[in-house]
Amino acid sequence: MNIERIGINAGVVWKALEDAKELDIKDLKKTTKLTEKDLSYALGWLAREGKVNFTETETGFFVKLS
């Protein structure tokens, strides 16, 4: 996995969250069609940049743009 690919995947995640406002991890994976590993890298990239927020509830683990 190279940094360029992680950045591209981060853009895919960004777009999915921009359209949906908030998604749980399962739906985000399904929407982006990324592997779990690629999704994790992309979320890490966005989290490091302070562009996503995470919320854990009884019903799931949710992600939304900051």
C-alpha atoms as a PDB file:
ATOM      1  CA  MET A   1       0.000   0.000   0.000  1.00  0.00           C
ATOM      2  CA  ASN A   2       1.446   3.336  -0.961  1.00  0.00           C
ATOM      3  CA  ILE A   3       0.629   6.769   0.395  1.00  0.00           C
ATOM      4  CA  GLU A   4      -0.902   7.929  -2.886  1.00  0.00           C
ATOM      5  CA  ARG A   5      -3.408   5.068  -2.806  1.00  0.00           C
ATOM      6  CA  ILE A   6      -4.306   5.789   0.828  1.00  0.00           C
ATOM      7  CA  GLY A   7      -4.948   9.413  -0.122  1.00  0.00           C
ATOM      8  CA  ILE A   8      -7.190   8.375  -3.013  1.00  0.00           C
ATOM      9  CA  ASN A   9      -9.138   6.055  -0.708  1.00  0.00           C
ATOM     10  CA  ALA A  10      -9.445   8.875   1.838  1.00  0.00           C
ATOM     11  CA  GLY A  11     -11.086  10.922  -0.903  1.00  0.00           C
ATOM     12  CA  VAL A  12     -13.537   8.094  -1.592  1.00  0.00           C
ATOM     13  CA  VAL A  13     -14.440   7.955   2.098  1.00  0.00           C
ATOM     14  CA  TRP A  14     -14.745  11.764   2.256  1.00  0.00           C
ATOM     15  CA  LYS A  15     -17.176  11.772  -0.682  1.00  0.00           C
ATOM     16  CA  ALA A  16     -19.284   8.982   0.848  1.00  0.00           C
ATOM     17  CA  LEU A  17     -19.526  10.847   4.149  1.00  0.00           C
ATOM     18  CA  GLU A  18     -20.236  14.141   2.421  1.00  0.00           C
ATOM     19  CA  ASP A  19     -23.205  12.549   0.644  1.00  0.00           C
ATOM     20  CA  ALA A  20     -24.551  10.619   3.650  1.00  0.00           C
ATOM     21  CA  LYS A  21     -23.584  12.959   6.529  1.00  0.00           C
ATOM     22  CA  GLU A  22     -22.953  10.019   8.894  1.00  0.00           C
ATOM     23  CA  LEU A  23     -22.467   6.286   8.369  1.00  0.00           C
ATOM     24  CA  ASP A  24     -21.672   3.338  10.548  1.00  0.00           C
ATOM     25  CA  ILE A  25     -18.515   1.449   9.655  1.00  0.00           C
ATOM     26  CA  LYS A  26     -20.387  -1.426   7.998  1.00  0.00           C
ATOM     27  CA  ASP A  27     -22.362   0.911   5.737  1.00  0.00           C
ATOM     28  CA  LEU A  28     -19.266   2.986   4.983  1.00  0.00           C
ATOM     29  CA  LYS A  29     -17.412  -0.146   3.911  1.00  0.00           C
ATOM     30  CA  LYS A  30     -20.350  -1.210   1.749  1.00  0.00           C
ATOM     31  CA  THR A  31     -20.759   2.268   0.216  1.00  0.00           C
ATOM     32  CA  THR A  32     -17.080   2.764  -0.608  1.00  0.00           C
ATOM     33  CA  LYS A  33     -16.452  -0.860  -1.631  1.00  0.00           C
ATOM     34  CA  LEU A  34     -13.068  -0.654   0.127  1.00  0.00           C
ATOM     35  CA  THR A  35     -11.522  -3.580   1.947  1.00  0.00           C
ATOM     36  CA  GLU A  36     -11.458  -3.360   5.723  1.00  0.00           C
ATOM     37  CA  LYS A  37      -7.719  -2.686   5.595  1.00  0.00           C
ATOM     38  CA  ASP A  38      -8.028   0.075   2.969  1.00  0.00           C
ATOM     39  CA  LEU A  39     -10.937   1.662   4.833  1.00  0.00           C
ATOM     40  CA  SER A  40      -8.920   1.648   8.063  1.00  0.00           C
ATOM     41  CA  TYR A  41      -5.965   3.357   6.391  1.00  0.00           C
ATOM     42  CA  ALA A  42      -8.243   5.959   4.792  1.00  0.00           C
ATOM     43  CA  LEU A  43     -10.010   6.685   8.085  1.00  0.00           C
ATOM     44  CA  GLY A  44      -6.659   6.980   9.830  1.00  0.00           C
ATOM     45  CA  TRP A  45      -5.543   9.496   7.207  1.00  0.00           C
ATOM     46  CA  LEU A  46      -8.705  11.574   7.655  1.00  0.00           C
ATOM     47  CA  ALA A  47      -8.573  11.290  11.459  1.00  0.00           C
ATOM     48  CA  ARG A  48      -4.960  12.462  11.522  1.00  0.00           C
ATOM     49  CA  GLU A  49      -6.001  15.517   9.529  1.00  0.00           C
ATOM     50  CA  GLY A  50      -8.893  16.143  11.945  1.00  0.00           C
ATOM     51  CA  LYS A  51     -11.491  15.714   9.207  1.00  0.00           C
ATOM     52  CA  VAL A  52     -13.664  12.993  10.740  1.00  0.00           C
ATOM     53  CA  ASN A  53     -15.322  12.340  14.075  1.00  0.00           C
ATOM     54  CA  PHE A  54     -16.128   8.927  15.502  1.00  0.00           C
ATOM     55  CA  THR A  55     -19.043   8.026  17.767  1.00  0.00           C
ATOM     56  CA  GLU A  56     -19.671   4.665  19.369  1.00  0.00           C
ATOM     57  CA  THR A  57     -23.205   3.800  20.456  1.00  0.00           C
ATOM     58  CA  GLU A  58     -25.031   0.642  21.442  1.00  0.00           C
ATOM     59  CA  THR A  59     -26.101   0.233  17.811  1.00  0.00           C
ATOM     60  CA  GLY A  60     -22.729   0.711  16.137  1.00  0.00           C
ATOM     61  CA  PHE A  61     -19.620   2.727  15.428  1.00  0.00           C
ATOM     62  CA  PHE A  62     -20.382   5.870  13.392  1.00  0.00           C
ATOM     63  CA  VAL A  63     -18.218   8.232  11.351  1.00  0.00           C
ATOM     64  CA  LYS A  64     -19.022  11.740  10.137  1.00  0.00           C
ATOM     65  CA  LEU A  65     -17.106  14.676   8.747  1.00  0.00           C
ATOM     66  CA  SER A  66     -15.834  17.235  11.249  1.00  0.00           C
END
